Protein backbone atom coordinates (compact mmCIF):
# COMPACT_ATOMS: atom_id res chain seq x y z
CA THR A 1 86.71 40.27 100.40
CA THR A 2 87.75 41.41 103.77
CA GLY A 3 85.31 38.61 105.14
CA LEU A 4 81.84 36.59 104.55
CA SER A 5 79.13 39.17 104.52
CA PRO A 6 78.43 42.50 103.25
CA LYS A 7 75.47 42.76 105.84
CA LEU A 8 78.13 42.77 108.74
CA GLY A 9 80.17 45.58 107.35
CA ASP A 10 82.63 43.53 104.95
CA ARG A 11 83.85 45.01 102.15
CA ILE A 12 85.75 44.30 98.44
CA CYS A 13 89.54 44.26 98.91
CA GLU A 14 90.30 42.98 95.20
CA ILE A 15 88.60 42.83 92.32
CA ALA A 16 88.91 41.38 88.83
CA LEU A 17 86.87 41.53 85.71
CA VAL A 18 87.84 39.45 82.05
CA SER A 19 85.52 40.83 79.27
CA CYS A 20 85.15 38.41 76.64
CA LEU A 21 83.30 37.66 73.16
CA GLY A 22 82.57 33.96 73.19
CA THR A 23 86.03 32.24 74.50
CA HIS A 24 88.21 35.44 73.18
CA ILE A 25 89.43 37.70 76.12
CA GLU A 26 88.85 41.15 74.96
CA GLU A 27 89.98 42.81 78.19
CA THR A 28 90.76 42.61 81.70
CA PHE A 29 91.04 44.50 84.91
CA ALA A 30 92.25 43.65 88.11
CA LYS A 31 92.86 45.97 91.51
CA LEU A 32 93.06 45.86 94.89
CA VAL A 33 90.72 48.03 96.37
CA ASN A 34 90.97 49.66 100.03
CA PRO A 35 87.78 48.54 101.94
CA GLY A 36 88.02 51.05 104.46
CA ARG A 37 88.26 48.31 107.28
CA SER A 38 90.52 45.89 108.24
CA ILE A 39 90.77 42.33 106.58
CA SER A 40 90.07 39.21 109.16
CA ALA A 41 92.36 37.04 109.61
CA GLY A 42 90.57 34.09 108.20
CA ALA A 43 89.91 36.08 104.88
CA SER A 44 93.60 37.35 104.61
CA ALA A 45 94.57 33.62 105.06
CA ILE A 46 92.61 32.31 102.41
CA ASN A 47 93.38 35.35 99.68
CA GLY A 48 96.91 36.47 101.10
CA ILE A 49 96.05 40.09 100.92
CA THR A 50 97.13 42.08 104.10
CA ASP A 51 96.04 45.66 105.53
CA LYS A 52 99.14 46.68 104.29
CA MET A 53 98.72 45.58 101.31
CA VAL A 54 95.74 47.76 100.47
CA ALA A 55 96.59 50.75 102.37
CA ASP A 56 97.26 52.92 99.40
CA ALA A 57 95.25 51.38 97.11
CA PRO A 58 92.11 53.13 95.72
CA GLY A 59 88.74 52.44 97.40
CA PHE A 60 85.55 51.17 95.42
CA GLU A 61 84.66 54.82 94.42
CA ASP A 62 87.69 55.40 92.63
CA ILE A 63 87.33 52.08 90.04
CA PHE A 64 83.57 52.27 89.92
CA THR A 65 83.55 53.94 86.51
CA THR A 66 85.48 51.36 85.04
CA VAL A 67 83.82 48.22 86.63
CA HIS A 68 80.77 49.55 85.72
CA ARG A 69 81.68 49.98 82.10
CA LEU A 70 83.28 46.67 81.93
CA MET A 71 79.58 45.04 83.04
CA ASP A 72 77.28 47.26 81.27
CA GLY A 73 75.55 45.39 78.77
CA LYS A 74 76.93 41.90 79.38
CA ILE A 75 76.07 38.60 81.05
CA LEU A 76 77.80 37.93 84.35
CA VAL A 77 79.81 34.39 84.71
CA ALA A 78 80.98 34.13 88.17
CA HIS A 79 81.37 31.28 90.26
CA ASN A 80 79.08 31.14 93.83
CA ALA A 81 77.79 33.99 91.80
CA GLN A 82 75.24 34.96 94.43
CA PHE A 83 78.48 35.69 96.89
CA ASP A 84 80.15 38.24 94.47
CA LEU A 85 76.41 40.14 93.52
CA ASN A 86 75.99 40.69 97.16
CA PHE A 87 79.32 42.47 97.26
CA LEU A 88 78.69 44.44 94.70
CA SER A 89 75.13 45.16 94.92
CA SER A 90 76.31 46.50 98.68
CA GLN A 91 79.24 48.59 97.00
CA PHE A 92 76.95 50.20 94.43
CA ARG A 93 74.12 51.14 97.24
CA LEU A 94 76.94 52.75 99.53
CA LEU A 95 77.53 55.00 96.37
CA GLY A 96 74.08 55.47 95.94
CA GLN A 97 73.96 53.87 92.84
CA GLN A 98 71.41 51.30 91.69
CA PHE A 99 72.77 47.93 90.56
CA PRO A 100 71.43 47.35 87.28
CA GLU A 101 69.63 44.02 86.27
CA TYR A 102 71.72 41.66 84.60
CA ILE A 103 71.46 38.07 83.16
CA VAL A 104 74.08 36.04 85.18
CA LEU A 105 75.12 32.50 84.97
CA ASP A 106 76.72 30.47 87.85
CA THR A 107 79.39 28.19 86.83
CA LEU A 108 79.13 26.44 90.32
CA ILE A 109 75.29 25.67 89.59
CA LEU A 110 76.00 24.61 85.90
CA ALA A 111 78.74 22.62 87.06
CA ARG A 112 76.52 20.59 90.01
CA LYS A 113 74.02 20.01 86.87
CA CYS A 114 76.58 19.01 83.94
CA TYR A 115 78.95 17.08 86.38
CA HIS A 116 79.06 14.86 89.24
CA PHE A 117 82.15 16.06 90.85
CA PRO A 118 82.45 14.99 94.87
CA SER A 119 83.21 18.52 95.30
CA ASN A 120 82.79 21.60 93.34
CA SER A 121 84.77 24.38 94.43
CA LEU A 122 86.58 26.24 92.10
CA GLY A 123 89.63 24.53 92.05
CA ARG A 124 88.26 21.08 92.18
CA ILE A 125 86.20 21.61 89.40
CA ALA A 126 89.51 22.75 87.46
CA LEU A 127 91.42 19.56 88.76
CA SER A 128 88.43 17.33 88.00
CA LEU A 129 88.45 18.99 84.26
CA GLY A 130 92.01 18.81 83.81
CA LEU A 131 92.66 22.37 83.91
CA GLU A 132 95.69 24.38 85.36
CA THR A 133 95.36 26.15 88.57
CA SER A 134 97.71 28.66 89.89
CA ASN A 135 97.42 31.28 92.83
CA LEU A 136 94.22 30.44 93.98
CA HIS A 137 91.89 33.10 95.64
CA ARG A 138 93.66 35.95 94.24
CA ALA A 139 90.75 37.94 91.99
CA LEU A 140 92.46 37.70 88.50
CA ASP A 141 93.34 34.24 88.68
CA ASP A 142 90.36 33.03 90.05
CA THR A 143 88.32 35.04 87.36
CA LEU A 144 90.60 33.44 84.36
CA LEU A 145 89.82 29.89 85.99
CA THR A 146 86.48 30.55 85.89
CA GLN A 147 86.67 31.57 82.57
CA LYS A 148 88.41 28.35 81.42
CA ILE A 149 85.55 26.45 83.19
CA PHE A 150 82.69 28.23 81.71
CA SER A 151 84.51 27.72 78.11
CA ARG A 152 84.43 23.71 79.08
CA LEU A 153 80.94 23.98 80.27
CA LEU A 154 79.56 25.84 77.10
CA SER A 155 81.42 23.32 75.21
CA ASP A 156 79.99 20.37 77.08
CA LEU A 157 76.25 22.06 77.33
CA TYR A 158 76.64 22.47 73.35
CA ALA A 159 77.07 18.81 72.85
CA GLN A 160 73.72 18.42 74.74
CA ASP A 161 72.01 20.58 72.16
CA ILE A 162 72.12 23.57 74.89
CA ASN A 163 73.31 25.86 72.90
CA ASN A 164 71.95 29.30 72.96
CA ILE A 165 71.44 31.61 75.93
CA GLU A 166 67.94 30.67 76.64
CA LYS A 167 68.68 27.42 76.45
CA ILE A 168 71.52 27.72 79.10
CA LEU A 169 69.07 30.08 81.32
CA SER A 170 66.50 27.15 81.20
CA PHE A 171 69.39 24.14 82.22
CA GLN A 172 70.76 26.43 85.30
CA GLY A 173 67.00 27.62 86.38
CA GLY A 174 67.19 30.88 85.30
CA SER A 175 69.22 33.82 85.63
CA ILE A 176 70.56 34.36 89.36
CA PRO A 177 69.11 37.11 91.04
CA VAL A 178 70.91 40.04 93.58
CA PRO A 179 70.16 38.77 96.95
CA LYS A 180 67.65 40.59 98.69
CA ASP A 181 68.65 42.56 102.40
CA LEU A 182 72.17 41.44 101.88
CA GLN A 183 71.79 37.77 102.74
CA ILE A 184 74.51 35.61 104.17
CA ILE A 185 76.17 33.44 101.09
CA LEU A 186 78.56 30.93 102.24
CA PRO A 187 81.09 29.53 100.74
CA PRO A 188 80.64 26.55 98.39
CA LEU A 189 82.86 24.03 100.65
CA LEU A 190 80.95 25.53 103.75
CA GLN A 191 77.43 24.86 101.53
CA GLU A 192 78.75 20.99 100.64
CA ALA A 193 79.86 20.17 104.04
CA ILE A 194 76.86 21.35 105.63
CA SER A 195 74.41 19.99 103.14
CA SER A 196 76.21 16.52 102.69
CA LYS A 197 76.85 16.07 106.44
CA ARG A 198 80.76 15.61 105.76
CA GLU A 199 83.51 16.22 108.08
CA LEU A 200 85.83 19.39 107.81
CA LYS A 201 89.22 19.68 108.45
CA LEU A 202 90.13 23.05 109.74
CA ARG A 203 92.97 25.42 110.69
CA TYR A 204 91.84 27.92 113.16
CA VAL A 205 93.23 30.59 115.00
CA SER A 206 91.88 31.60 118.84
CA ALA A 207 91.25 34.70 119.97
CA TYR A 208 94.38 34.61 121.48
CA GLY A 209 96.42 33.72 118.49
CA ARG A 210 97.07 30.03 119.15
CA GLU A 211 96.16 27.78 116.10
CA THR A 212 95.05 24.36 116.22
CA THR A 213 93.96 21.52 113.63
CA ARG A 214 90.41 20.38 113.97
CA ILE A 215 88.30 17.43 112.58
CA VAL A 216 84.86 18.72 112.98
CA GLN A 217 81.28 17.74 111.93
CA PRO A 218 79.41 20.90 111.01
CA LEU A 219 75.93 21.39 112.07
CA GLU A 220 75.15 24.91 111.65
CA ILE A 221 75.78 28.38 110.95
CA THR A 222 74.80 31.34 113.79
CA ARG A 223 75.23 34.92 113.64
CA PHE A 224 75.78 36.57 117.08
CA LYS A 225 76.16 40.60 116.94
CA ASP A 226 78.73 41.51 114.24
CA TYR A 227 80.10 37.76 113.19
CA LEU A 228 78.91 34.36 111.84
CA TYR A 229 79.75 31.24 113.55
CA LEU A 230 80.00 27.71 112.80
CA ILE A 231 78.44 25.26 115.30
CA ALA A 232 79.68 21.90 115.05
CA HIS A 233 80.97 18.90 116.64
CA CYS A 234 84.67 18.85 117.21
CA TYR A 235 86.44 15.45 117.45
CA LEU A 236 89.65 16.71 119.32
CA ARG A 237 87.26 18.25 122.17
CA GLY A 238 85.00 15.59 122.17
CA ASP A 239 82.33 17.74 122.61
CA GLN A 240 80.32 20.79 120.40
CA ARG A 241 81.93 24.04 119.70
CA THR A 242 81.47 27.31 118.01
CA PHE A 243 84.26 28.61 115.84
CA ARG A 244 83.86 32.28 114.41
CA LEU A 245 84.39 31.91 110.74
CA ASN A 246 86.68 34.93 110.42
CA ARG A 247 89.24 33.28 112.37
CA ILE A 248 89.01 29.82 110.45
CA LEU A 249 92.42 29.90 108.36
CA LYS A 250 91.74 27.02 105.90
CA MET A 251 89.00 24.64 105.59
CA GLU A 252 88.97 21.02 103.61
CA VAL A 253 85.96 19.18 103.18
CA LEU A 254 86.91 15.43 103.40
CA ASP A 255 85.80 12.39 101.68
CA LYS A 256 83.28 10.30 102.83
């Protein structure tokens, strides 16, 4: 996506869907999307997608029919699913379309309940499970990795006699709902750092284009006008500082 929140005008800039029957992949779809707005420096640093790359890409309205067909009648599986639902429902709404009700499973929540990994970002879970990772943060690679993680989760859940959709939904705590009023859904790394009070290592670019690396203790997320900010104690400056989220080029949760 171009940033973290459709409520603040961010949009999808690449989408991928993998349609499966059990663990068998039946169809894949991946497409860059012209979001109709610029991609933030922070988002571009993470996903590697630039404004130039999407300049001639189709808009979401051009791929809507394919996206809708691939999701129709399916159980949706995503990592940090509310983030995806937030953006998808926003794009549907912009086209005057009602976002359908789906059964939605979240590999982030399932992994947290099934395992006890120190970090539950997509890449960290894959490494903990011994799965190969490549080109993380591009849509198709992340989606295929999510599919592999989900297949492994199913195998481990089946071993606990959690072996049908009703039991999996009960284990998860119910289907994941579409966020109301375009809520701001934070990335798992940032959620983990704030909730566990762990330090973050940031690569940050200022308004003047100067890059610095900071170790910070995150305190809270706040919104001012059209931007989200991380308020944190910065050890480099020895004081509390505010970091605009779309200027964070890289983020790493440090071990305790």
